Amino acid sequence: MQYRFFGKTGWRVSIVGLGCWQFGGAITLDGKPDGWTGVTDADSIATVKRAVDFGINFFDTADMYGWGHSEEIIGKALQDIAYRERVYIATKVGFWHDEGNRRTINETRDYILRACEASLRRLQTSYIDLYQCHLWRTTRWEEFLNAFELLQRQGKIRFYGVSTTDMDMVEHFDARRNLAAVQANYNLLDRRAEREILPYCRARGIAFLARGTLARGLLSGKYDKQSRFDANDIRSNWIEPGNGVEFDRSIEIVQRLKPIAQRYGFRLSQFAIKFVLQHVGVSTALVGSKNPAQMEDNATATYLAPITREEQAEIEAALVGGESEANSPQI
């Protein structure tokens, strides 16, 4: 496994990090699926442990993934690691739900402090390495900063970050020049971060976490326009009325990319991971895996040769006229 410096923190993190949303399983939010089916706790725990064996040392989750279940899985899986300092745990705060499983937005300092305590219990740890605002937008960013700074003083978190695709949110959370990391969508189908966020982070020593590296599996190459998904799986939203056109457009791009990857000895998923890692501003690419075999396949991409200029040119040609910059759901 290769490692990169994580912004101003001094950490060296694996260039592929394990995205852990899927470990939360299937939930319903605002009347729609907002989790993943086909995941077992046994596979999830085995995936985390195998990731550590592979040298992956960065794990990203959120308290809303399975309403805390993803955090619980990570907590259980990492208990067998002899040294807690061998790994970096990142989680997020801001979203929760009411009794009707409707999304709630939580922006107060007191809520953030309570949520942190709950995450610490589920993760079975005394501190969180990176605590992130999960809200895509908020006007109460100062309350987050005040809460984060208090938690730092208390030793409950080491650094803080923000998960967003909006540049103004990044600037707000960096107002005190202590922002450690930004997590934003970045993949072959969504390159908006290249415009402002990636250059901003690189110039200021802020770590960049690429989320959605495989676009929830679209860039695995497994799907076509006839693909259908479990009604309880969040990916069923792709083919809802109003979303089908964008789904078909993304599949067309994927079909143009697949032969390029294959010609150079890559599976498309590996090609997609390599593309994200080519950007010098990316600290780590977060990739979700449901089981150890998927994790090993994704991690293997780090051992393959870099994408060449010729391959990059072919990628650009495949994306021309079809690059997807839809409002991808935040994760």
C-alpha atoms as a PDB file:
ATOM      1  CA  MET A   1       0.000   0.000   0.000  1.00  0.00           C
ATOM      2  CA  GLN A   2       1.184   3.518  -0.754  1.00  0.00           C
ATOM      3  CA  TYR A   3       0.699   6.442   1.627  1.00  0.00           C
ATOM      4  CA  ARG A   4       0.372  10.207   1.330  1.00  0.00           C
ATOM      5  CA  PHE A   5       0.601  13.034   3.817  1.00  0.00           C
ATOM      6  CA  PHE A   6      -2.841  14.055   5.025  1.00  0.00           C
ATOM      7  CA  GLY A   7      -2.762  17.817   4.702  1.00  0.00           C
ATOM      8  CA  LYS A   8      -1.420  19.699   7.718  1.00  0.00           C
ATOM      9  CA  THR A   9      -2.068  16.864  10.201  1.00  0.00           C
ATOM     10  CA  GLY A  10       1.299  15.152   9.765  1.00  0.00           C
ATOM     11  CA  TRP A  11      -0.470  11.798   9.221  1.00  0.00           C
ATOM     12  CA  ARG A  12       0.507   9.399   6.472  1.00  0.00           C
ATOM     13  CA  VAL A  13      -2.666   7.735   5.228  1.00  0.00           C
ATOM     14  CA  SER A  14      -3.245   4.950   2.741  1.00  0.00           C
ATOM     15  CA  ILE A  15      -4.051   6.322  -0.711  1.00  0.00           C
ATOM     16  CA  VAL A  16      -7.157   4.142  -0.694  1.00  0.00           C
ATOM     17  CA  GLY A  17      -9.380   4.545   2.345  1.00  0.00           C
ATOM     18  CA  LEU A  18     -12.343   2.369   3.226  1.00  0.00           C
ATOM     19  CA  GLY A  19     -15.687   4.094   2.843  1.00  0.00           C
ATOM     20  CA  CYS A  20     -18.042   2.489   5.374  1.00  0.00           C
ATOM     21  CA  TRP A  21     -21.550   3.698   4.482  1.00  0.00           C
ATOM     22  CA  GLN A  22     -22.547   0.231   3.243  1.00  0.00           C
ATOM     23  CA  PHE A  23     -21.882  -1.343   6.646  1.00  0.00           C
ATOM     24  CA  GLY A  24     -24.915   0.488   8.009  1.00  0.00           C
ATOM     25  CA  GLY A  25     -27.242  -1.652   5.899  1.00  0.00           C
ATOM     26  CA  ALA A  26     -30.640  -0.627   4.564  1.00  0.00           C
ATOM     27  CA  ILE A  27     -32.641   2.184   6.142  1.00  0.00           C
ATOM     28  CA  THR A  28     -35.564   4.327   5.004  1.00  0.00           C
ATOM     29  CA  LEU A  29     -35.254   8.109   5.100  1.00  0.00           C
ATOM     30  CA  ASP A  30     -37.952  10.540   4.015  1.00  0.00           C
ATOM     31  CA  GLY A  31     -39.858   7.610   2.527  1.00  0.00           C
ATOM     32  CA  LYS A  32     -36.962   6.466   0.318  1.00  0.00           C
ATOM     33  CA  PRO A  33     -34.174   3.914   0.703  1.00  0.00           C
ATOM     34  CA  ASP A  34     -30.992   5.452   2.070  1.00  0.00           C
ATOM     35  CA  GLY A  35     -28.734   2.483   2.635  1.00  0.00           C
ATOM     36  CA  TRP A  36     -27.414  -0.697   1.105  1.00  0.00           C
ATOM     37  CA  THR A  37     -28.810  -4.202   0.842  1.00  0.00           C
ATOM     38  CA  GLY A  38     -26.799  -7.401   0.496  1.00  0.00           C
ATOM     39  CA  VAL A  39     -24.491  -6.596   3.420  1.00  0.00           C
ATOM     40  CA  THR A  40     -23.939  -8.819   6.468  1.00  0.00           C
ATOM     41  CA  ASP A  41     -22.258  -7.834   9.706  1.00  0.00           C
ATOM     42  CA  ALA A  42     -19.899 -10.808   9.438  1.00  0.00           C
ATOM     43  CA  ASP A  43     -18.734  -9.696   5.977  1.00  0.00           C
ATOM     44  CA  SER A  44     -18.456  -6.097   7.145  1.00  0.00           C
ATOM     45  CA  ILE A  45     -16.224  -6.957  10.095  1.00  0.00           C
ATOM     46  CA  ALA A  46     -14.124  -9.263   7.924  1.00  0.00           C
ATOM     47  CA  THR A  47     -13.750  -6.477   5.340  1.00  0.00           C
ATOM     48  CA  VAL A  48     -12.437  -4.002   7.900  1.00  0.00           C
ATOM     49  CA  LYS A  49      -9.947  -6.530   9.272  1.00  0.00           C
ATOM     50  CA  ARG A  50      -8.756  -7.531   5.803  1.00  0.00           C
ATOM     51  CA  ALA A  51      -8.362  -3.856   4.899  1.00  0.00           C
ATOM     52  CA  VAL A  52      -5.993  -3.432   7.831  1.00  0.00           C
ATOM     53  CA  ASP A  53      -4.035  -6.464   6.613  1.00  0.00           C
ATOM     54  CA  PHE A  54      -3.710  -4.779   3.221  1.00  0.00           C
ATOM     55  CA  GLY A  55      -2.277  -1.651   4.819  1.00  0.00           C
ATOM     56  CA  ILE A  56      -5.422   0.489   4.633  1.00  0.00           C
ATOM     57  CA  ASN A  57      -5.367   2.745   7.679  1.00  0.00           C
ATOM     58  CA  PHE A  58      -8.173   5.256   6.993  1.00  0.00           C
ATOM     59  CA  PHE A  59     -11.836   4.470   7.687  1.00  0.00           C
ATOM     60  CA  ASP A  60     -14.642   6.927   6.957  1.00  0.00           C
ATOM     61  CA  THR A  61     -18.158   6.617   8.331  1.00  0.00           C
ATOM     62  CA  ALA A  62     -20.988   8.790   9.723  1.00  0.00           C
ATOM     63  CA  ASP A  63     -23.402   8.541  12.601  1.00  0.00           C
ATOM     64  CA  MET A  64     -26.380   8.417  10.213  1.00  0.00           C
ATOM     65  CA  TYR A  65     -25.132   5.354   8.281  1.00  0.00           C
ATOM     66  CA  GLY A  66     -27.547   2.728   9.522  1.00  0.00           C
ATOM     67  CA  TRP A  67     -28.298   5.130  12.401  1.00  0.00           C
ATOM     68  CA  GLY A  68     -24.978   4.342  14.017  1.00  0.00           C
ATOM     69  CA  HIS A  69     -24.663   0.729  12.914  1.00  0.00           C
ATOM     70  CA  SER A  70     -21.716   1.437  10.605  1.00  0.00           C
ATOM     71  CA  GLU A  71     -19.861   3.014  13.535  1.00  0.00           C
ATOM     72  CA  GLU A  72     -20.662  -0.029  15.672  1.00  0.00           C
ATOM     73  CA  ILE A  73     -19.226  -2.354  13.021  1.00  0.00           C
ATOM     74  CA  ILE A  74     -15.991  -0.370  12.865  1.00  0.00           C
ATOM     75  CA  GLY A  75     -15.776  -0.329  16.650  1.00  0.00           C
ATOM     76  CA  LYS A  76     -16.147  -4.111  16.846  1.00  0.00           C
ATOM     77  CA  ALA A  77     -13.764  -4.823  13.977  1.00  0.00           C
ATOM     78  CA  LEU A  78     -10.970  -2.594  15.227  1.00  0.00           C
ATOM     79  CA  GLN A  79     -10.984  -3.887  18.794  1.00  0.00           C
ATOM     80  CA  ASP A  80      -8.576  -6.632  17.791  1.00  0.00           C
ATOM     81  CA  ILE A  81      -5.961  -4.176  16.542  1.00  0.00           C
ATOM     82  CA  ALA A  82      -3.151  -3.955  19.059  1.00  0.00           C
ATOM     83  CA  TYR A  83      -2.469  -0.268  18.552  1.00  0.00           C
ATOM     84  CA  ARG A  84      -5.297   2.225  18.082  1.00  0.00           C
ATOM     85  CA  GLU A  85      -2.796   4.730  16.644  1.00  0.00           C
ATOM     86  CA  ARG A  86      -2.242   2.433  13.662  1.00  0.00           C
ATOM     87  CA  VAL A  87      -5.537   3.584  12.121  1.00  0.00           C
ATOM     88  CA  TYR A  88      -7.404   6.831  11.491  1.00  0.00           C
ATOM     89  CA  ILE A  89     -11.141   6.922  12.093  1.00  0.00           C
ATOM     90  CA  ALA A  90     -13.250   9.645  10.504  1.00  0.00           C
ATOM     91  CA  THR A  91     -16.940  10.132  11.168  1.00  0.00           C
ATOM     92  CA  LYS A  92     -19.552  12.824  10.572  1.00  0.00           C
ATOM     93  CA  VAL A  93     -22.317  14.678  12.378  1.00  0.00           C
ATOM     94  CA  GLY A  94     -25.335  16.812  11.482  1.00  0.00           C
ATOM     95  CA  PHE A  95     -28.049  14.516  10.121  1.00  0.00           C
ATOM     96  CA  TRP A  96     -30.411  12.391  12.176  1.00  0.00           C
ATOM     97  CA  HIS A  97     -34.066  11.354  12.024  1.00  0.00           C
ATOM     98  CA  ASP A  98     -37.330  11.746  13.872  1.00  0.00           C
ATOM     99  CA  GLU A  99     -39.791   9.030  14.894  1.00  0.00           C
ATOM    100  CA  GLY A 100     -41.234   8.995  11.367  1.00  0.00           C
ATOM    101  CA  ASN A 101     -37.811   8.403   9.799  1.00  0.00           C
ATOM    102  CA  ARG A 102     -37.759  11.902   8.378  1.00  0.00           C
ATOM    103  CA  ARG A 103     -34.373  13.577   8.073  1.00  0.00           C
ATOM    104  CA  THR A 104     -33.551  16.116  10.774  1.00  0.00           C
ATOM    105  CA  ILE A 105     -30.888  18.802  10.512  1.00  0.00           C
ATOM    106  CA  ASN A 106     -28.925  19.329  13.716  1.00  0.00           C
ATOM    107  CA  GLU A 107     -26.673  22.380  13.920  1.00  0.00           C
ATOM    108  CA  THR A 108     -26.432  23.366  17.565  1.00  0.00           C
ATOM    109  CA  ARG A 109     -23.266  23.221  19.609  1.00  0.00           C
ATOM    110  CA  ASP A 110     -24.925  21.111  22.316  1.00  0.00           C
ATOM    111  CA  TYR A 111     -26.254  18.596  19.789  1.00  0.00           C
ATOM    112  CA  ILE A 112     -22.805  18.207  18.205  1.00  0.00           C
ATOM    113  CA  LEU A 113     -21.240  17.580  21.614  1.00  0.00           C
ATOM    114  CA  ARG A 114     -23.841  14.926  22.470  1.00  0.00           C
ATOM    115  CA  ALA A 115     -23.529  13.303  19.050  1.00  0.00           C
ATOM    116  CA  CYS A 116     -19.775  13.056  19.467  1.00  0.00           C
ATOM    117  CA  GLU A 117     -20.196  11.201  22.769  1.00  0.00           C
ATOM    118  CA  ALA A 118     -22.576   8.768  21.087  1.00  0.00           C
ATOM    119  CA  SER A 119     -20.152   8.165  18.213  1.00  0.00           C
ATOM    120  CA  LEU A 120     -17.292   7.547  20.649  1.00  0.00           C
ATOM    121  CA  ARG A 121     -19.376   4.882  22.406  1.00  0.00           C
ATOM    122  CA  ARG A 122     -20.318   3.137  19.187  1.00  0.00           C
ATOM    123  CA  LEU A 123     -16.759   3.279  17.851  1.00  0.00           C
ATOM    124  CA  GLN A 124     -15.407   2.003  21.199  1.00  0.00           C
ATOM    125  CA  THR A 125     -12.649   4.588  21.207  1.00  0.00           C
ATOM    126  CA  SER A 126     -11.644   7.528  23.365  1.00  0.00           C
ATOM    127  CA  TYR A 127     -11.057   9.883  20.441  1.00  0.00           C
ATOM    128  CA  ILE A 128     -12.057  10.471  16.821  1.00  0.00           C
ATOM    129  CA  ASP A 129      -9.239  11.327  14.441  1.00  0.00           C
ATOM    130  CA  LEU A 130     -11.336  13.416  12.030  1.00  0.00           C
ATOM    131  CA  TYR A 131     -14.786  14.768  12.925  1.00  0.00           C
ATOM    132  CA  GLN A 132     -16.683  16.222   9.965  1.00  0.00           C
ATOM    133  CA  CYS A 133     -19.755  18.345   9.412  1.00  0.00           C
ATOM    134  CA  HIS A 134     -22.035  16.125   7.336  1.00  0.00           C
ATOM    135  CA  LEU A 135     -24.436  18.880   6.318  1.00  0.00           C
ATOM    136  CA  TRP A 136     -24.079  19.871   2.693  1.00  0.00           C
ATOM    137  CA  ARG A 137     -25.040  23.417   3.574  1.00  0.00           C
ATOM    138  CA  THR A 138     -25.490  25.293   6.845  1.00  0.00           C
ATOM    139  CA  THR A 139     -25.665  28.933   7.893  1.00  0.00           C
ATOM    140  CA  ARG A 140     -24.620  27.979  11.425  1.00  0.00           C
ATOM    141  CA  TRP A 141     -21.082  26.952  10.604  1.00  0.00           C
ATOM    142  CA  GLU A 142     -19.741  28.970  13.552  1.00  0.00           C
ATOM    143  CA  GLU A 143     -21.606  26.656  15.947  1.00  0.00           C
ATOM    144  CA  PHE A 144     -19.875  23.702  14.324  1.00  0.00           C
ATOM    145  CA  LEU A 145     -16.491  25.394  14.638  1.00  0.00           C
ATOM    146  CA  ASN A 146     -17.101  26.275  18.290  1.00  0.00           C
ATOM    147  CA  ALA A 147     -18.156  22.703  19.068  1.00  0.00           C
ATOM    148  CA  PHE A 148     -15.254  21.200  17.130  1.00  0.00           C
ATOM    149  CA  GLU A 149     -12.716  23.417  18.869  1.00  0.00           C
ATOM    150  CA  LEU A 150     -14.115  22.521  22.293  1.00  0.00           C
ATOM    151  CA  LEU A 151     -13.951  18.822  21.435  1.00  0.00           C
ATOM    152  CA  GLN A 152     -10.343  19.284  20.356  1.00  0.00           C
ATOM    153  CA  ARG A 153      -9.471  20.909  23.682  1.00  0.00           C
ATOM    154  CA  GLN A 154     -11.158  18.017  25.486  1.00  0.00           C
ATOM    155  CA  GLY A 155      -9.106  15.502  23.485  1.00  0.00           C
ATOM    156  CA  LYS A 156     -12.206  13.857  22.018  1.00  0.00           C
ATOM    157  CA  ILE A 157     -11.335  14.716  18.429  1.00  0.00           C
ATOM    158  CA  ARG A 158      -7.951  15.405  16.853  1.00  0.00           C
ATOM    159  CA  PHE A 159      -8.942  17.409  13.750  1.00  0.00           C
ATOM    160  CA  TYR A 160     -12.121  18.533  12.023  1.00  0.00           C
ATOM    161  CA  GLY A 161     -13.381  18.722   8.459  1.00  0.00           C
ATOM    162  CA  VAL A 162     -16.421  19.351   6.276  1.00  0.00           C
ATOM    163  CA  SER A 163     -18.259  17.157   3.781  1.00  0.00           C
ATOM    164  CA  THR A 164     -19.621  19.300   0.939  1.00  0.00           C
ATOM    165  CA  THR A 165     -19.401  20.074  -2.754  1.00  0.00           C
ATOM    166  CA  ASP A 166     -19.930  23.835  -2.262  1.00  0.00           C
ATOM    167  CA  MET A 167     -16.901  26.117  -2.283  1.00  0.00           C
ATOM    168  CA  ASP A 168     -18.437  28.725  -0.008  1.00  0.00           C
ATOM    169  CA  MET A 169     -18.978  26.095   2.668  1.00  0.00           C
ATOM    170  CA  VAL A 170     -15.316  25.152   2.459  1.00  0.00           C
ATOM    171  CA  GLU A 171     -14.337  28.800   2.942  1.00  0.00           C
ATOM    172  CA  HIS A 172     -16.676  29.209   5.926  1.00  0.00           C
ATOM    173  CA  PHE A 173     -15.249  26.151   7.685  1.00  0.00           C
ATOM    174  CA  ASP A 174     -11.728  27.392   6.944  1.00  0.00           C
ATOM    175  CA  ALA A 175     -12.471  30.864   8.332  1.00  0.00           C
ATOM    176  CA  ARG A 176     -10.237  30.237  11.372  1.00  0.00           C
ATOM    177  CA  ARG A 177      -7.572  28.524   9.238  1.00  0.00           C
ATOM    178  CA  ASN A 178      -7.860  25.285  11.208  1.00  0.00           C
ATOM    179  CA  LEU A 179      -9.794  23.220   8.678  1.00  0.00           C
ATOM    180  CA  ALA A 180      -7.962  19.902   8.305  1.00  0.00           C
ATOM    181  CA  ALA A 181      -9.925  18.155   5.558  1.00  0.00           C
ATOM    182  CA  VAL A 182     -12.609  18.523   2.907  1.00  0.00           C
ATOM    183  CA  GLN A 183     -14.604  15.550   1.653  1.00  0.00           C
ATOM    184  CA  ALA A 184     -16.289  15.994  -1.728  1.00  0.00           C
ATOM    185  CA  ASN A 185     -17.508  13.988  -4.693  1.00  0.00           C
ATOM    186  CA  TYR A 186     -14.751  13.278  -7.198  1.00  0.00           C
ATOM    187  CA  ASN A 187     -14.783  10.580  -9.849  1.00  0.00           C
ATOM    188  CA  LEU A 188     -14.804  10.054 -13.603  1.00  0.00           C
ATOM    189  CA  LEU A 189     -18.472  11.064 -13.757  1.00  0.00           C
ATOM    190  CA  ASP A 190     -18.227  14.094 -11.481  1.00  0.00           C
ATOM    191  CA  ARG A 191     -15.128  16.303 -11.713  1.00  0.00           C
ATOM    192  CA  ARG A 192     -16.506  19.539 -10.276  1.00  0.00           C
ATOM    193  CA  ALA A 193     -13.974  19.476  -7.432  1.00  0.00           C
ATOM    194  CA  GLU A 194     -11.186  20.138  -9.953  1.00  0.00           C
ATOM    195  CA  ARG A 195     -12.453  23.681 -10.515  1.00  0.00           C
ATOM    196  CA  GLU A 196     -12.147  25.257  -7.087  1.00  0.00           C
ATOM    197  CA  ILE A 197     -12.115  22.879  -4.117  1.00  0.00           C
ATOM    198  CA  LEU A 198      -9.075  20.779  -5.036  1.00  0.00           C
ATOM    199  CA  PRO A 199      -6.896  23.825  -5.904  1.00  0.00           C
ATOM    200  CA  TYR A 200      -8.018  25.594  -2.709  1.00  0.00           C
ATOM    201  CA  CYS A 201      -7.182  22.604  -0.523  1.00  0.00           C
ATOM    202  CA  ARG A 202      -3.816  22.052  -2.131  1.00  0.00           C
ATOM    203  CA  ALA A 203      -2.826  25.712  -1.753  1.00  0.00           C
ATOM    204  CA  ARG A 204      -3.720  25.729   1.956  1.00  0.00           C
ATOM    205  CA  GLY A 205      -2.468  22.332   3.048  1.00  0.00           C
ATOM    206  CA  ILE A 206      -5.970  20.959   3.564  1.00  0.00           C
ATOM    207  CA  ALA A 207      -6.412  17.230   3.011  1.00  0.00           C
ATOM    208  CA  PHE A 208      -8.885  16.228   0.292  1.00  0.00           C
ATOM    209  CA  LEU A 209     -11.001  13.092   0.675  1.00  0.00           C
ATOM    210  CA  ALA A 210     -12.406  11.894  -2.644  1.00  0.00           C
ATOM    211  CA  ARG A 211     -15.789  10.331  -1.968  1.00  0.00           C
ATOM    212  CA  GLY A 212     -17.900   8.429  -4.472  1.00  0.00           C
ATOM    213  CA  THR A 213     -14.761   7.164  -6.220  1.00  0.00           C
ATOM    214  CA  LEU A 214     -16.806   4.438  -7.936  1.00  0.00           C
ATOM    215  CA  ALA A 215     -20.029   6.510  -8.072  1.00  0.00           C
ATOM    216  CA  ARG A 216     -21.846   3.989  -5.843  1.00  0.00           C
ATOM    217  CA  GLY A 217     -20.792   1.192  -8.165  1.00  0.00           C
ATOM    218  CA  LEU A 218     -21.640   2.759 -11.524  1.00  0.00           C
ATOM    219  CA  LEU A 219     -17.927   2.811 -12.311  1.00  0.00           C
ATOM    220  CA  SER A 220     -17.561  -0.865 -11.497  1.00  0.00           C
ATOM    221  CA  GLY A 221     -18.797  -1.558 -15.027  1.00  0.00           C
ATOM    222  CA  LYS A 222     -21.309  -4.145 -13.762  1.00  0.00           C
ATOM    223  CA  TYR A 223     -24.460  -2.285 -14.786  1.00  0.00           C
ATOM    224  CA  ASP A 224     -26.256  -1.447 -18.017  1.00  0.00           C
ATOM    225  CA  LYS A 225     -29.463   0.379 -18.923  1.00  0.00           C
ATOM    226  CA  GLN A 226     -31.532  -2.714 -18.130  1.00  0.00           C
ATOM    227  CA  SER A 227     -30.123  -3.114 -14.624  1.00  0.00           C
ATOM    228  CA  ARG A 228     -32.594  -3.085 -11.766  1.00  0.00           C
ATOM    229  CA  PHE A 229     -31.953  -2.754  -8.036  1.00  0.00           C
ATOM    230  CA  ASP A 230     -33.463  -3.946  -4.786  1.00  0.00           C
ATOM    231  CA  ALA A 231     -36.282  -1.603  -3.807  1.00  0.00           C
ATOM    232  CA  ASN A 232     -34.678  -1.165  -0.368  1.00  0.00           C
ATOM    233  CA  ASP A 233     -31.275  -0.221  -1.817  1.00  0.00           C
ATOM    234  CA  ILE A 234     -30.407   3.443  -2.328  1.00  0.00           C
ATOM    235  CA  ARG A 235     -29.324   2.710  -5.898  1.00  0.00           C
ATOM    236  CA  SER A 236     -32.947   2.040  -6.829  1.00  0.00           C
ATOM    237  CA  ASN A 237     -33.241   5.846  -6.835  1.00  0.00           C
ATOM    238  CA  TRP A 238     -31.145   5.897 -10.020  1.00  0.00           C
ATOM    239  CA  ILE A 239     -34.043   4.626 -12.104  1.00  0.00           C
ATOM    240  CA  GLU A 240     -36.855   6.556 -10.453  1.00  0.00           C
ATOM    241  CA  PRO A 241     -38.970   8.753 -12.757  1.00  0.00           C
ATOM    242  CA  GLY A 242     -36.915  11.848 -13.504  1.00  0.00           C
ATOM    243  CA  ASN A 243     -33.571  10.158 -12.825  1.00  0.00           C
ATOM    244  CA  GLY A 244     -33.528   7.647 -15.658  1.00  0.00           C
ATOM    245  CA  VAL A 245     -32.097  10.038 -18.234  1.00  0.00           C
ATOM    246  CA  GLU A 246     -29.055  10.775 -16.083  1.00  0.00           C
ATOM    247  CA  PHE A 247     -28.614   7.080 -15.305  1.00  0.00           C
ATOM    248  CA  ASP A 248     -28.666   6.209 -19.019  1.00  0.00           C
ATOM    249  CA  ARG A 249     -26.219   9.007 -19.748  1.00  0.00           C
ATOM    250  CA  SER A 250     -23.811   7.731 -17.103  1.00  0.00           C
ATOM    251  CA  ILE A 251     -24.067   4.173 -18.455  1.00  0.00           C
ATOM    252  CA  GLU A 252     -23.170   5.439 -21.931  1.00  0.00           C
ATOM    253  CA  ILE A 253     -20.024   7.080 -20.549  1.00  0.00           C
ATOM    254  CA  VAL A 254     -19.142   3.895 -18.678  1.00  0.00           C
ATOM    255  CA  GLN A 255     -19.506   1.864 -21.857  1.00  0.00           C
ATOM    256  CA  ARG A 256     -17.044   4.193 -23.625  1.00  0.00           C
ATOM    257  CA  LEU A 257     -14.562   3.901 -20.760  1.00  0.00           C
ATOM    258  CA  LYS A 258     -14.628   0.119 -20.326  1.00  0.00           C
ATOM    259  CA  PRO A 259     -12.661  -0.795 -23.477  1.00  0.00           C
ATOM    260  CA  ILE A 260     -10.014   1.817 -22.637  1.00  0.00           C
ATOM    261  CA  ALA A 261      -9.479   0.265 -19.209  1.00  0.00           C
ATOM    262  CA  GLN A 262      -9.442  -3.269 -20.583  1.00  0.00           C
ATOM    263  CA  ARG A 263      -6.988  -2.426 -23.341  1.00  0.00           C
ATOM    264  CA  TYR A 264      -4.459  -1.299 -20.753  1.00  0.00           C
ATOM    265  CA  GLY A 265      -5.003  -4.228 -18.402  1.00  0.00           C
ATOM    266  CA  PHE A 266      -7.336  -2.557 -15.883  1.00  0.00           C
ATOM    267  CA  ARG A 267     -10.792  -3.496 -14.705  1.00  0.00           C
ATOM    268  CA  LEU A 268     -12.966  -0.405 -14.941  1.00  0.00           C
ATOM    269  CA  SER A 269     -13.206  -0.070 -11.148  1.00  0.00           C
ATOM    270  CA  GLN A 270      -9.410  -0.084 -10.889  1.00  0.00           C
ATOM    271  CA  PHE A 271      -9.157   2.411 -13.735  1.00  0.00           C
ATOM    272  CA  ALA A 272     -11.606   4.714 -11.930  1.00  0.00           C
ATOM    273  CA  ILE A 273      -9.623   4.507  -8.685  1.00  0.00           C
ATOM    274  CA  LYS A 274      -6.369   5.201 -10.512  1.00  0.00           C
ATOM    275  CA  PHE A 275      -7.929   8.224 -12.222  1.00  0.00           C
ATOM    276  CA  VAL A 276      -8.848   9.787  -8.871  1.00  0.00           C
ATOM    277  CA  LEU A 277      -5.427   9.063  -7.407  1.00  0.00           C
ATOM    278  CA  GLN A 278      -3.676  10.690 -10.378  1.00  0.00           C
ATOM    279  CA  HIS A 279      -4.693  14.094  -9.020  1.00  0.00           C
ATOM    280  CA  VAL A 280      -1.871  15.348  -6.822  1.00  0.00           C
ATOM    281  CA  GLY A 281      -4.362  17.116  -4.543  1.00  0.00           C
ATOM    282  CA  VAL A 282      -6.164  13.917  -3.499  1.00  0.00           C
ATOM    283  CA  SER A 283      -5.045  12.669  -0.085  1.00  0.00           C
ATOM    284  CA  THR A 284      -7.029   9.443  -0.176  1.00  0.00           C
ATOM    285  CA  ALA A 285      -9.727   7.918  -2.367  1.00  0.00           C
ATOM    286  CA  LEU A 286     -12.609   6.534  -0.329  1.00  0.00           C
ATOM    287  CA  VAL A 287     -13.888   3.283  -1.808  1.00  0.00           C
ATOM    288  CA  GLY A 288     -16.736   1.261  -0.357  1.00  0.00           C
ATOM    289  CA  SER A 289     -16.602  -2.542  -0.273  1.00  0.00           C
ATOM    290  CA  LYS A 290     -19.259  -5.019   0.869  1.00  0.00           C
ATOM    291  CA  ASN A 291     -16.919  -7.929   1.466  1.00  0.00           C
ATOM    292  CA  PRO A 292     -13.203  -8.766   1.651  1.00  0.00           C
ATOM    293  CA  ALA A 293     -13.022  -9.840  -2.007  1.00  0.00           C
ATOM    294  CA  GLN A 294     -14.310  -6.458  -3.209  1.00  0.00           C
ATOM    295  CA  MET A 295     -11.923  -4.681  -0.872  1.00  0.00           C
ATOM    296  CA  GLU A 296      -8.937  -6.662  -2.174  1.00  0.00           C
ATOM    297  CA  ASP A 297      -9.893  -5.959  -5.781  1.00  0.00           C
ATOM    298  CA  ASN A 298     -10.164  -2.230  -5.080  1.00  0.00           C
ATOM    299  CA  ALA A 299      -6.918  -2.093  -3.105  1.00  0.00           C
ATOM    300  CA  THR A 300      -5.083  -3.900  -5.896  1.00  0.00           C
ATOM    301  CA  ALA A 301      -5.597  -0.849  -8.096  1.00  0.00           C
ATOM    302  CA  THR A 302      -2.878   0.901  -6.105  1.00  0.00           C
ATOM    303  CA  TYR A 303      -0.289  -1.584  -7.374  1.00  0.00           C
ATOM    304  CA  LEU A 304      -1.056  -1.050 -11.066  1.00  0.00           C
ATOM    305  CA  ALA A 305       0.904   1.312 -13.299  1.00  0.00           C
ATOM    306  CA  PRO A 306      -0.086   4.989 -13.354  1.00  0.00           C
ATOM    307  CA  ILE A 307      -2.417   6.182 -16.094  1.00  0.00           C
ATOM    308  CA  THR A 308      -0.308   7.490 -18.967  1.00  0.00           C
ATOM    309  CA  ARG A 309      -0.811  10.697 -20.945  1.00  0.00           C
ATOM    310  CA  GLU A 310      -2.162   8.639 -23.820  1.00  0.00           C
ATOM    311  CA  GLU A 311      -4.684   6.926 -21.572  1.00  0.00           C
ATOM    312  CA  GLN A 312      -5.624  10.274 -20.049  1.00  0.00           C
ATOM    313  CA  ALA A 313      -6.272  11.654 -23.528  1.00  0.00           C
ATOM    314  CA  GLU A 314      -8.511   8.702 -24.317  1.00  0.00           C
ATOM    315  CA  ILE A 315     -10.415   9.281 -21.069  1.00  0.00           C
ATOM    316  CA  GLU A 316     -10.989  12.917 -21.966  1.00  0.00           C
ATOM    317  CA  ALA A 317     -12.212  11.925 -25.429  1.00  0.00           C
ATOM    318  CA  ALA A 318     -14.625   9.392 -23.917  1.00  0.00           C
ATOM    319  CA  LEU A 319     -16.029  12.037 -21.587  1.00  0.00           C
ATOM    320  CA  VAL A 320     -16.497  14.740 -24.221  1.00  0.00           C
ATOM    321  CA  GLY A 321     -20.161  15.444 -24.718  1.00  0.00           C
ATOM    322  CA  GLY A 322     -21.123  13.163 -21.891  1.00  0.00           C
ATOM    323  CA  GLU A 323     -19.435  14.226 -18.677  1.00  0.00           C
ATOM    324  CA  SER A 324     -21.957  13.898 -15.887  1.00  0.00           C
ATOM    325  CA  GLU A 325     -22.129  16.709 -13.376  1.00  0.00           C
ATOM    326  CA  ALA A 326     -25.546  15.938 -12.035  1.00  0.00           C
ATOM    327  CA  ASN A 327     -26.376  16.766  -8.472  1.00  0.00           C
ATOM    328  CA  SER A 328     -25.164  13.428  -7.165  1.00  0.00           C
ATOM    329  CA  PRO A 329     -26.607  12.615  -3.723  1.00  0.00           C
ATOM    330  CA  GLN A 330     -24.139  13.561  -1.031  1.00  0.00           C
ATOM    331  CA  ILE A 331     -22.592  10.732   1.006  1.00  0.00           C
END
